[in-house]
Amino acid sequence: MTEPLRIAPEVQQALHEGGAVVALETTLIAHGFPPGAGVEVGLAAEARVRTGGAVPATVGVLDGAVVVGLAPAELHRFDEAGADARKAGPRDLAVCAIRGLVGATTVGGTLAVCRAAGIRFMGTGGLGGVHRGFAEHPDISADLAELARTEVVVVASGLKSLLDVPASAEVLETFGVPVLGFRTDELPLFYAARGGPPVSARVESPAEAAQVARRHWELGGRGLLLARPPDESLDDVEPLFEEALAAALEQGVAGQAVTPFVLARVHERSGGRTAEANRSLVLANAELAAEVAVASVG
């Protein structure tokens, strides 16, 4: 019988020695950027994790295995699969593995693998949450529940802009997930540095974030969100999201297909500005996650 996880030797050694490891998702590679750009972002994110002093562990499902620490050639396969890659949330991992599908892990799917592998740090762009119009069309990302049950610090630029951010923040509070602002008092809105609800606490350094996380875990807590504002704030994209969400509703796009549909439309309508901003914040978050991981084990 095959092992449930295939962990790359470098990642396995770092985990065994108590080193700093940062998990990265593969949905960004397959669904978050135009063809060819996704793998470049994935490789650049791994490089930024190494710059921060940690070992990258990009997660995905390939050839019947849940892989923790994909090789560069394997990252290219997610980019090549693109929309044909299945978005692999927590519920989808086993099916993708058994059926030999290309499974591009979401934040929630990656968190489930982190829990199984013993990885405590992750970098991503934005967290999923409660979708707008929940009263008429109930939709909550599995990201929130997985974060609430996994001892992981997720570094992100807040929640994805297409969501009902205040409602998502309320769910995190209900689940007991600390939302730490990295040198900010309010939750970033993904592309916008400001405008979200207040964070539960502000931290000024990777070391302080690591200290809070360690004590949170000692007290029986699980996940934490460390929100890092984007370096370049795009404060004029909200109308584009409203337009894209209306188009998704009109065309019957629902569930896991909403996010890639909306992001692709917004990237196009913004003339590529949001795609470049997305790339920049993903890389910055990956490096910060590495710095927090290093501070945690140091």
C-alpha atoms as a PDB file:
ATOM      1  CA  MET A   1       0.000   0.000   0.000  1.00  0.00           C
ATOM      2  CA  THR A   2       1.362   3.435  -0.940  1.00  0.00           C
ATOM      3  CA  GLU A   3       2.116   6.043   1.713  1.00  0.00           C
ATOM      4  CA  PRO A   4      -0.489   8.816   2.054  1.00  0.00           C
ATOM      5  CA  LEU A   5       2.203  11.497   1.670  1.00  0.00           C
ATOM      6  CA  ARG A   6       5.313  11.679  -0.485  1.00  0.00           C
ATOM      7  CA  ILE A   7       7.636  14.080   1.300  1.00  0.00           C
ATOM      8  CA  ALA A   8      10.713  15.347  -0.527  1.00  0.00           C
ATOM      9  CA  PRO A   9      13.998  14.353   1.171  1.00  0.00           C
ATOM     10  CA  GLU A  10      15.023  17.983   1.839  1.00  0.00           C
ATOM     11  CA  VAL A  11      11.673  18.724   3.486  1.00  0.00           C
ATOM     12  CA  GLN A  12      11.752  15.469   5.452  1.00  0.00           C
ATOM     13  CA  GLN A  13      15.231  16.209   6.760  1.00  0.00           C
ATOM     14  CA  ALA A  14      14.279  19.739   7.813  1.00  0.00           C
ATOM     15  CA  LEU A  15      11.187  18.479   9.637  1.00  0.00           C
ATOM     16  CA  HIS A  16      13.179  15.707  11.330  1.00  0.00           C
ATOM     17  CA  GLU A  17      15.844  18.180  12.503  1.00  0.00           C
ATOM     18  CA  GLY A  18      13.306  20.762  13.681  1.00  0.00           C
ATOM     19  CA  GLY A  19      14.201  23.202  10.921  1.00  0.00           C
ATOM     20  CA  ALA A  20      12.097  25.924   9.338  1.00  0.00           C
ATOM     21  CA  VAL A  21       9.725  24.715   6.604  1.00  0.00           C
ATOM     22  CA  VAL A  22       7.138  26.801   4.746  1.00  0.00           C
ATOM     23  CA  ALA A  23       4.280  25.245   2.799  1.00  0.00           C
ATOM     24  CA  LEU A  24       3.079  26.767  -0.482  1.00  0.00           C
ATOM     25  CA  GLU A  25      -0.062  25.946  -2.471  1.00  0.00           C
ATOM     26  CA  THR A  26      -0.428  24.957  -6.137  1.00  0.00           C
ATOM     27  CA  THR A  27      -3.826  26.492  -6.956  1.00  0.00           C
ATOM     28  CA  LEU A  28      -1.954  29.753  -7.478  1.00  0.00           C
ATOM     29  CA  ILE A  29       0.158  28.061 -10.152  1.00  0.00           C
ATOM     30  CA  ALA A  30      -2.691  26.328 -11.976  1.00  0.00           C
ATOM     31  CA  HIS A  31      -5.542  28.809 -11.559  1.00  0.00           C
ATOM     32  CA  GLY A  32      -4.227  32.118 -10.227  1.00  0.00           C
ATOM     33  CA  PHE A  33      -2.208  33.425 -13.190  1.00  0.00           C
ATOM     34  CA  PRO A  34      -2.173  33.278 -16.994  1.00  0.00           C
ATOM     35  CA  PRO A  35      -0.462  30.240 -18.589  1.00  0.00           C
ATOM     36  CA  GLY A  36       3.289  30.375 -18.117  1.00  0.00           C
ATOM     37  CA  ALA A  37       3.118  32.959 -15.355  1.00  0.00           C
ATOM     38  CA  GLY A  38       1.911  30.574 -12.659  1.00  0.00           C
ATOM     39  CA  VAL A  39       4.999  28.392 -12.582  1.00  0.00           C
ATOM     40  CA  GLU A  40       7.248  31.460 -12.585  1.00  0.00           C
ATOM     41  CA  VAL A  41       5.436  32.736  -9.501  1.00  0.00           C
ATOM     42  CA  GLY A  42       5.648  29.318  -7.855  1.00  0.00           C
ATOM     43  CA  LEU A  43       9.390  29.048  -8.426  1.00  0.00           C
ATOM     44  CA  ALA A  44       9.939  32.646  -7.332  1.00  0.00           C
ATOM     45  CA  ALA A  45       7.947  32.019  -4.136  1.00  0.00           C
ATOM     46  CA  GLU A  46      10.172  29.047  -3.338  1.00  0.00           C
ATOM     47  CA  ALA A  47      13.239  31.218  -3.929  1.00  0.00           C
ATOM     48  CA  ARG A  48      11.887  33.851  -1.537  1.00  0.00           C
ATOM     49  CA  VAL A  49      11.311  31.192   1.134  1.00  0.00           C
ATOM     50  CA  ARG A  50      14.966  30.217   0.791  1.00  0.00           C
ATOM     51  CA  THR A  51      15.955  33.888   0.981  1.00  0.00           C
ATOM     52  CA  GLY A  52      14.112  34.016   4.294  1.00  0.00           C
ATOM     53  CA  GLY A  53      16.143  31.064   5.557  1.00  0.00           C
ATOM     54  CA  ALA A  54      13.578  28.256   5.344  1.00  0.00           C
ATOM     55  CA  VAL A  55      12.925  25.203   3.193  1.00  0.00           C
ATOM     56  CA  PRO A  56      10.000  25.509   0.745  1.00  0.00           C
ATOM     57  CA  ALA A  57       7.454  22.697   0.563  1.00  0.00           C
ATOM     58  CA  THR A  58       5.083  23.286  -2.325  1.00  0.00           C
ATOM     59  CA  VAL A  59       2.131  20.905  -2.023  1.00  0.00           C
ATOM     60  CA  GLY A  60       0.072  19.208  -4.738  1.00  0.00           C
ATOM     61  CA  VAL A  61      -1.360  15.897  -5.874  1.00  0.00           C
ATOM     62  CA  LEU A  62       0.414  14.137  -8.748  1.00  0.00           C
ATOM     63  CA  ASP A  63       0.573  10.578 -10.062  1.00  0.00           C
ATOM     64  CA  GLY A  64      -1.497   9.143  -7.231  1.00  0.00           C
ATOM     65  CA  ALA A  65       0.443  10.821  -4.419  1.00  0.00           C
ATOM     66  CA  VAL A  66      -0.014  13.844  -2.183  1.00  0.00           C
ATOM     67  CA  VAL A  67       3.390  15.450  -2.627  1.00  0.00           C
ATOM     68  CA  VAL A  68       5.040  17.701  -0.034  1.00  0.00           C
ATOM     69  CA  GLY A  69       7.929  19.426  -1.771  1.00  0.00           C
ATOM     70  CA  LEU A  70       7.374  19.356  -5.519  1.00  0.00           C
ATOM     71  CA  ALA A  71      10.355  19.351  -7.898  1.00  0.00           C
ATOM     72  CA  PRO A  72      10.620  22.160 -10.493  1.00  0.00           C
ATOM     73  CA  ALA A  73       9.554  19.835 -13.313  1.00  0.00           C
ATOM     74  CA  GLU A  74       6.492  18.888 -11.272  1.00  0.00           C
ATOM     75  CA  LEU A  75       5.588  22.553 -10.737  1.00  0.00           C
ATOM     76  CA  HIS A  76       5.558  22.969 -14.518  1.00  0.00           C
ATOM     77  CA  ARG A  77       2.931  20.230 -14.775  1.00  0.00           C
ATOM     78  CA  PHE A  78       0.489  22.278 -12.693  1.00  0.00           C
ATOM     79  CA  ASP A  79       1.021  25.286 -14.935  1.00  0.00           C
ATOM     80  CA  GLU A  80       0.549  23.148 -18.036  1.00  0.00           C
ATOM     81  CA  ALA A  81      -2.629  21.604 -16.642  1.00  0.00           C
ATOM     82  CA  GLY A  82      -4.089  25.032 -15.904  1.00  0.00           C
ATOM     83  CA  ALA A  83      -7.884  24.929 -15.725  1.00  0.00           C
ATOM     84  CA  ASP A  84      -7.822  21.149 -16.207  1.00  0.00           C
ATOM     85  CA  ALA A  85      -6.140  20.715 -12.810  1.00  0.00           C
ATOM     86  CA  ARG A  86      -8.690  19.983 -10.118  1.00  0.00           C
ATOM     87  CA  LYS A  87      -8.862  22.506  -7.293  1.00  0.00           C
ATOM     88  CA  ALA A  88      -8.024  20.250  -4.373  1.00  0.00           C
ATOM     89  CA  GLY A  89      -9.537  21.321  -1.093  1.00  0.00           C
ATOM     90  CA  PRO A  90      -9.454  19.093   1.990  1.00  0.00           C
ATOM     91  CA  ARG A  91     -12.332  16.960   0.708  1.00  0.00           C
ATOM     92  CA  ASP A  92     -10.625  16.350  -2.652  1.00  0.00           C
ATOM     93  CA  LEU A  93      -7.161  15.128  -1.669  1.00  0.00           C
ATOM     94  CA  ALA A  94      -7.976  11.427  -1.372  1.00  0.00           C
ATOM     95  CA  VAL A  95     -10.055  11.345  -4.568  1.00  0.00           C
ATOM     96  CA  CYS A  96      -7.313  13.095  -6.546  1.00  0.00           C
ATOM     97  CA  ALA A  97      -4.726  10.647  -5.224  1.00  0.00           C
ATOM     98  CA  ILE A  98      -6.767   7.495  -5.829  1.00  0.00           C
ATOM     99  CA  ARG A  99      -7.839   8.550  -9.321  1.00  0.00           C
ATOM    100  CA  GLY A 100      -4.430   9.855 -10.372  1.00  0.00           C
ATOM    101  CA  LEU A 101      -5.670  13.389 -10.986  1.00  0.00           C
ATOM    102  CA  VAL A 102      -3.602  16.555 -11.031  1.00  0.00           C
ATOM    103  CA  GLY A 103      -4.804  18.183  -7.814  1.00  0.00           C
ATOM    104  CA  ALA A 104      -3.820  21.809  -7.280  1.00  0.00           C
ATOM    105  CA  THR A 105      -4.174  22.376  -3.556  1.00  0.00           C
ATOM    106  CA  THR A 106      -6.109  25.351  -2.229  1.00  0.00           C
ATOM    107  CA  VAL A 107      -5.142  27.032   1.032  1.00  0.00           C
ATOM    108  CA  GLY A 108      -7.501  24.647   2.844  1.00  0.00           C
ATOM    109  CA  GLY A 109      -6.137  21.594   1.039  1.00  0.00           C
ATOM    110  CA  THR A 110      -2.573  22.685   1.764  1.00  0.00           C
ATOM    111  CA  LEU A 111      -3.425  23.212   5.440  1.00  0.00           C
ATOM    112  CA  ALA A 112      -4.826  19.685   5.666  1.00  0.00           C
ATOM    113  CA  VAL A 113      -1.510  18.391   4.298  1.00  0.00           C
ATOM    114  CA  CYS A 114       0.422  20.613   6.714  1.00  0.00           C
ATOM    115  CA  ARG A 115      -1.445  19.001   9.583  1.00  0.00           C
ATOM    116  CA  ALA A 116      -0.582  15.521   8.312  1.00  0.00           C
ATOM    117  CA  ALA A 117       3.073  16.367   7.656  1.00  0.00           C
ATOM    118  CA  GLY A 118       3.740  18.501  10.723  1.00  0.00           C
ATOM    119  CA  ILE A 119       4.395  21.798   8.929  1.00  0.00           C
ATOM    120  CA  ARG A 120       3.530  24.917  10.934  1.00  0.00           C
ATOM    121  CA  PHE A 121       4.024  27.787   8.480  1.00  0.00           C
ATOM    122  CA  MET A 122       2.479  28.676   5.141  1.00  0.00           C
ATOM    123  CA  GLY A 123       2.664  31.594   2.731  1.00  0.00           C
ATOM    124  CA  THR A 124      -0.079  32.509   0.258  1.00  0.00           C
ATOM    125  CA  GLY A 125      -1.793  35.448  -1.402  1.00  0.00           C
ATOM    126  CA  GLY A 126      -5.157  35.669   0.298  1.00  0.00           C
ATOM    127  CA  LEU A 127      -7.330  33.492   2.502  1.00  0.00           C
ATOM    128  CA  GLY A 128     -10.730  32.225   1.359  1.00  0.00           C
ATOM    129  CA  GLY A 129     -13.823  32.897   3.430  1.00  0.00           C
ATOM    130  CA  VAL A 130     -17.480  33.844   3.320  1.00  0.00           C
ATOM    131  CA  HIS A 131     -18.589  34.768  -0.194  1.00  0.00           C
ATOM    132  CA  ARG A 132     -20.670  37.849  -0.879  1.00  0.00           C
ATOM    133  CA  GLY A 133     -24.403  37.220  -1.086  1.00  0.00           C
ATOM    134  CA  PHE A 134     -24.170  34.367   1.408  1.00  0.00           C
ATOM    135  CA  ALA A 135     -27.841  34.754   2.416  1.00  0.00           C
ATOM    136  CA  GLU A 136     -28.986  33.960  -1.133  1.00  0.00           C
ATOM    137  CA  HIS A 137     -26.159  31.670  -2.205  1.00  0.00           C
ATOM    138  CA  PRO A 138     -24.465  30.059   0.846  1.00  0.00           C
ATOM    139  CA  ASP A 139     -20.765  29.576   0.194  1.00  0.00           C
ATOM    140  CA  ILE A 140     -17.952  29.483   2.761  1.00  0.00           C
ATOM    141  CA  SER A 141     -14.439  28.419   1.858  1.00  0.00           C
ATOM    142  CA  ALA A 142     -13.003  25.397   3.643  1.00  0.00           C
ATOM    143  CA  ASP A 143      -9.920  27.556   4.281  1.00  0.00           C
ATOM    144  CA  LEU A 144     -11.487  28.953   7.457  1.00  0.00           C
ATOM    145  CA  ALA A 145     -12.352  25.606   9.046  1.00  0.00           C
ATOM    146  CA  GLU A 146      -8.958  24.118   8.171  1.00  0.00           C
ATOM    147  CA  LEU A 147      -7.126  27.083   9.651  1.00  0.00           C
ATOM    148  CA  ALA A 148      -9.188  26.711  12.827  1.00  0.00           C
ATOM    149  CA  ARG A 149      -8.110  23.074  13.269  1.00  0.00           C
ATOM    150  CA  THR A 150      -4.458  23.225  12.174  1.00  0.00           C
ATOM    151  CA  GLU A 151      -1.449  24.498  14.172  1.00  0.00           C
ATOM    152  CA  VAL A 152      -0.177  26.729  11.364  1.00  0.00           C
ATOM    153  CA  VAL A 153       0.658  30.386  10.867  1.00  0.00           C
ATOM    154  CA  VAL A 154      -0.698  31.448   7.479  1.00  0.00           C
ATOM    155  CA  VAL A 155       0.901  34.615   6.112  1.00  0.00           C
ATOM    156  CA  ALA A 156      -1.434  36.338   3.654  1.00  0.00           C
ATOM    157  CA  SER A 157      -2.526  39.793   2.557  1.00  0.00           C
ATOM    158  CA  GLY A 158      -5.770  39.349   4.421  1.00  0.00           C
ATOM    159  CA  LEU A 159      -8.810  37.751   2.795  1.00  0.00           C
ATOM    160  CA  LYS A 160      -9.504  37.692  -0.928  1.00  0.00           C
ATOM    161  CA  SER A 161     -11.144  40.911  -2.089  1.00  0.00           C
ATOM    162  CA  LEU A 162     -14.046  39.146  -3.780  1.00  0.00           C
ATOM    163  CA  LEU A 163     -15.315  37.949  -0.367  1.00  0.00           C
ATOM    164  CA  ASP A 164     -17.495  39.391   2.354  1.00  0.00           C
ATOM    165  CA  VAL A 165     -14.459  40.339   4.422  1.00  0.00           C
ATOM    166  CA  PRO A 166     -16.258  41.521   7.611  1.00  0.00           C
ATOM    167  CA  ALA A 167     -18.298  38.306   7.724  1.00  0.00           C
ATOM    168  CA  SER A 168     -15.169  36.213   7.158  1.00  0.00           C
ATOM    169  CA  ALA A 169     -13.396  38.037   9.979  1.00  0.00           C
ATOM    170  CA  GLU A 170     -16.351  37.290  12.264  1.00  0.00           C
ATOM    171  CA  VAL A 171     -16.078  33.582  11.429  1.00  0.00           C
ATOM    172  CA  LEU A 172     -12.383  33.632  12.301  1.00  0.00           C
ATOM    173  CA  GLU A 173     -13.222  35.230  15.641  1.00  0.00           C
ATOM    174  CA  THR A 174     -15.885  32.585  16.289  1.00  0.00           C
ATOM    175  CA  PHE A 175     -13.356  29.852  15.513  1.00  0.00           C
ATOM    176  CA  GLY A 176     -10.810  31.413  17.889  1.00  0.00           C
ATOM    177  CA  VAL A 177      -8.296  32.230  15.148  1.00  0.00           C
ATOM    178  CA  PRO A 178      -6.062  35.212  16.031  1.00  0.00           C
ATOM    179  CA  VAL A 179      -5.736  37.704  13.179  1.00  0.00           C
ATOM    180  CA  LEU A 180      -2.378  39.417  13.613  1.00  0.00           C
ATOM    181  CA  GLY A 181      -1.605  42.548  11.645  1.00  0.00           C
ATOM    182  CA  PHE A 182       2.020  42.768  10.532  1.00  0.00           C
ATOM    183  CA  ARG A 183       2.779  46.403  11.336  1.00  0.00           C
ATOM    184  CA  THR A 184      -0.865  47.309  10.756  1.00  0.00           C
ATOM    185  CA  ASP A 185      -3.957  47.729  12.925  1.00  0.00           C
ATOM    186  CA  GLU A 186      -6.483  46.781  10.277  1.00  0.00           C
ATOM    187  CA  LEU A 187      -6.960  43.772   8.055  1.00  0.00           C
ATOM    188  CA  PRO A 188      -5.622  44.343   4.539  1.00  0.00           C
ATOM    189  CA  LEU A 189      -8.068  43.789   1.683  1.00  0.00           C
ATOM    190  CA  PHE A 190      -5.717  41.736  -0.484  1.00  0.00           C
ATOM    191  CA  TYR A 191      -4.895  44.346  -3.140  1.00  0.00           C
ATOM    192  CA  ALA A 192      -5.647  47.263  -0.802  1.00  0.00           C
ATOM    193  CA  ALA A 193      -3.414  47.842   2.198  1.00  0.00           C
ATOM    194  CA  ARG A 194      -6.177  49.326   4.329  1.00  0.00           C
ATOM    195  CA  GLY A 195      -9.939  49.314   4.742  1.00  0.00           C
ATOM    196  CA  GLY A 196     -10.655  46.037   6.493  1.00  0.00           C
ATOM    197  CA  PRO A 197     -11.902  45.423  10.034  1.00  0.00           C
ATOM    198  CA  PRO A 198      -9.509  45.798  12.991  1.00  0.00           C
ATOM    199  CA  VAL A 199      -7.078  42.963  13.596  1.00  0.00           C
ATOM    200  CA  SER A 200      -7.091  41.199  16.961  1.00  0.00           C
ATOM    201  CA  ALA A 201      -3.488  42.261  17.618  1.00  0.00           C
ATOM    202  CA  ARG A 202      -0.621  44.030  15.911  1.00  0.00           C
ATOM    203  CA  VAL A 203       2.906  42.603  15.725  1.00  0.00           C
ATOM    204  CA  GLU A 204       6.025  44.482  14.696  1.00  0.00           C
ATOM    205  CA  SER A 205       8.450  41.709  13.764  1.00  0.00           C
ATOM    206  CA  PRO A 206       8.705  38.073  12.673  1.00  0.00           C
ATOM    207  CA  ALA A 207      10.063  37.240  16.134  1.00  0.00           C
ATOM    208  CA  GLU A 208       7.030  38.743  17.862  1.00  0.00           C
ATOM    209  CA  ALA A 209       4.682  36.854  15.535  1.00  0.00           C
ATOM    210  CA  ALA A 210       6.554  33.618  16.324  1.00  0.00           C
ATOM    211  CA  GLN A 211       6.277  34.277  20.067  1.00  0.00           C
ATOM    212  CA  VAL A 212       2.527  34.837  19.857  1.00  0.00           C
ATOM    213  CA  ALA A 213       2.081  31.684  17.762  1.00  0.00           C
ATOM    214  CA  ARG A 214       4.117  29.559  20.152  1.00  0.00           C
ATOM    215  CA  ARG A 215       2.129  30.717  23.182  1.00  0.00           C
ATOM    216  CA  HIS A 216      -1.160  30.291  21.288  1.00  0.00           C
ATOM    217  CA  TRP A 217      -0.258  26.671  20.578  1.00  0.00           C
ATOM    218  CA  GLU A 218       0.892  26.087  24.168  1.00  0.00           C
ATOM    219  CA  LEU A 219      -2.565  27.233  25.298  1.00  0.00           C
ATOM    220  CA  GLY A 220      -4.294  24.748  23.044  1.00  0.00           C
ATOM    221  CA  GLY A 221      -5.009  27.067  20.113  1.00  0.00           C
ATOM    222  CA  ARG A 222      -4.615  26.114  16.486  1.00  0.00           C
ATOM    223  CA  GLY A 223      -4.278  28.343  13.425  1.00  0.00           C
ATOM    224  CA  LEU A 224      -3.266  31.997  13.197  1.00  0.00           C
ATOM    225  CA  LEU A 225      -3.551  34.448  10.316  1.00  0.00           C
ATOM    226  CA  LEU A 226      -0.654  36.879   9.965  1.00  0.00           C
ATOM    227  CA  ALA A 227      -1.873  39.647   7.656  1.00  0.00           C
ATOM    228  CA  ARG A 228       0.785  41.546   5.744  1.00  0.00           C
ATOM    229  CA  PRO A 229      -0.396  44.575   3.740  1.00  0.00           C
ATOM    230  CA  PRO A 230       0.684  44.667   0.088  1.00  0.00           C
ATOM    231  CA  ASP A 231       3.608  46.981  -0.589  1.00  0.00           C
ATOM    232  CA  GLU A 232       1.682  48.704  -3.384  1.00  0.00           C
ATOM    233  CA  SER A 233      -1.945  49.363  -2.522  1.00  0.00           C
ATOM    234  CA  LEU A 234      -4.514  49.254  -5.341  1.00  0.00           C
ATOM    235  CA  ASP A 235      -7.443  51.222  -3.972  1.00  0.00           C
ATOM    236  CA  ASP A 236      -9.490  51.463  -7.168  1.00  0.00           C
ATOM    237  CA  VAL A 237     -10.257  47.841  -8.051  1.00  0.00           C
ATOM    238  CA  GLU A 238     -13.461  47.295  -6.045  1.00  0.00           C
ATOM    239  CA  PRO A 239     -15.725  48.203  -9.010  1.00  0.00           C
ATOM    240  CA  LEU A 240     -13.921  45.586 -11.095  1.00  0.00           C
ATOM    241  CA  PHE A 241     -14.684  42.914  -8.499  1.00  0.00           C
ATOM    242  CA  GLU A 242     -18.339  43.913  -8.365  1.00  0.00           C
ATOM    243  CA  GLU A 243     -18.536  43.703 -12.152  1.00  0.00           C
ATOM    244  CA  ALA A 244     -16.791  40.316 -12.247  1.00  0.00           C
ATOM    245  CA  LEU A 245     -18.986  38.884  -9.480  1.00  0.00           C
ATOM    246  CA  ALA A 246     -22.104  40.042 -11.324  1.00  0.00           C
ATOM    247  CA  ALA A 247     -20.832  38.343 -14.478  1.00  0.00           C
ATOM    248  CA  ALA A 248     -20.148  35.136 -12.550  1.00  0.00           C
ATOM    249  CA  LEU A 249     -23.700  35.142 -11.181  1.00  0.00           C
ATOM    250  CA  GLU A 250     -25.168  35.841 -14.612  1.00  0.00           C
ATOM    251  CA  GLN A 251     -23.185  33.002 -16.189  1.00  0.00           C
ATOM    252  CA  GLY A 252     -23.975  30.530 -13.420  1.00  0.00           C
ATOM    253  CA  VAL A 253     -20.394  30.259 -12.161  1.00  0.00           C
ATOM    254  CA  ALA A 254     -20.477  28.877  -8.627  1.00  0.00           C
ATOM    255  CA  GLY A 255     -18.467  27.072  -5.931  1.00  0.00           C
ATOM    256  CA  GLN A 256     -14.755  26.592  -6.480  1.00  0.00           C
ATOM    257  CA  ALA A 257     -15.000  28.067  -9.995  1.00  0.00           C
ATOM    258  CA  VAL A 258     -15.877  31.557  -8.735  1.00  0.00           C
ATOM    259  CA  THR A 259     -12.422  32.633  -7.585  1.00  0.00           C
ATOM    260  CA  PRO A 260     -10.462  31.773 -10.770  1.00  0.00           C
ATOM    261  CA  PHE A 261     -13.247  33.242 -12.924  1.00  0.00           C
ATOM    262  CA  VAL A 262     -13.322  36.523 -11.020  1.00  0.00           C
ATOM    263  CA  LEU A 263      -9.547  36.858 -10.747  1.00  0.00           C
ATOM    264  CA  ALA A 264      -9.031  36.215 -14.467  1.00  0.00           C
ATOM    265  CA  ARG A 265     -11.662  38.800 -15.373  1.00  0.00           C
ATOM    266  CA  VAL A 266     -10.259  41.394 -12.970  1.00  0.00           C
ATOM    267  CA  HIS A 267      -6.704  40.776 -14.198  1.00  0.00           C
ATOM    268  CA  GLU A 268      -7.897  41.419 -17.751  1.00  0.00           C
ATOM    269  CA  ARG A 269     -10.005  44.491 -16.936  1.00  0.00           C
ATOM    270  CA  SER A 270      -7.210  46.065 -14.874  1.00  0.00           C
ATOM    271  CA  GLY A 271      -4.739  45.774 -17.710  1.00  0.00           C
ATOM    272  CA  GLY A 272      -2.638  43.320 -15.738  1.00  0.00           C
ATOM    273  CA  ARG A 273      -2.147  45.596 -12.718  1.00  0.00           C
ATOM    274  CA  THR A 274      -3.858  43.171 -10.336  1.00  0.00           C
ATOM    275  CA  ALA A 275      -1.888  40.212 -11.675  1.00  0.00           C
ATOM    276  CA  GLU A 276       1.397  42.008 -10.983  1.00  0.00           C
ATOM    277  CA  ALA A 277       0.172  43.081  -7.544  1.00  0.00           C
ATOM    278  CA  ASN A 278      -0.880  39.503  -6.821  1.00  0.00           C
ATOM    279  CA  ARG A 279       2.579  38.253  -7.790  1.00  0.00           C
ATOM    280  CA  SER A 280       4.299  40.808  -5.581  1.00  0.00           C
ATOM    281  CA  LEU A 281       2.253  40.088  -2.484  1.00  0.00           C
ATOM    282  CA  VAL A 282       2.553  36.313  -2.888  1.00  0.00           C
ATOM    283  CA  LEU A 283       6.345  36.592  -2.948  1.00  0.00           C
ATOM    284  CA  ALA A 284       6.498  39.018  -0.023  1.00  0.00           C
ATOM    285  CA  ASN A 285       4.238  36.796   2.047  1.00  0.00           C
ATOM    286  CA  ALA A 286       6.337  33.716   1.276  1.00  0.00           C
ATOM    287  CA  GLU A 287       9.479  35.455   2.528  1.00  0.00           C
ATOM    288  CA  LEU A 288       7.771  36.729   5.670  1.00  0.00           C
ATOM    289  CA  ALA A 289       6.463  33.231   6.398  1.00  0.00           C
ATOM    290  CA  ALA A 290      10.039  31.978   6.168  1.00  0.00           C
ATOM    291  CA  GLU A 291      11.268  34.675   8.551  1.00  0.00           C
ATOM    292  CA  VAL A 292       8.589  33.787  11.097  1.00  0.00           C
ATOM    293  CA  ALA A 293       9.417  30.086  10.740  1.00  0.00           C
ATOM    294  CA  VAL A 294      13.124  30.766  11.289  1.00  0.00           C
ATOM    295  CA  ALA A 295      12.340  32.921  14.343  1.00  0.00           C
ATOM    296  CA  SER A 296      10.153  30.134  15.710  1.00  0.00           C
ATOM    297  CA  VAL A 297      12.858  27.482  15.578  1.00  0.00           C
ATOM    298  CA  GLY A 298      15.759  29.783  16.415  1.00  0.00           C
END
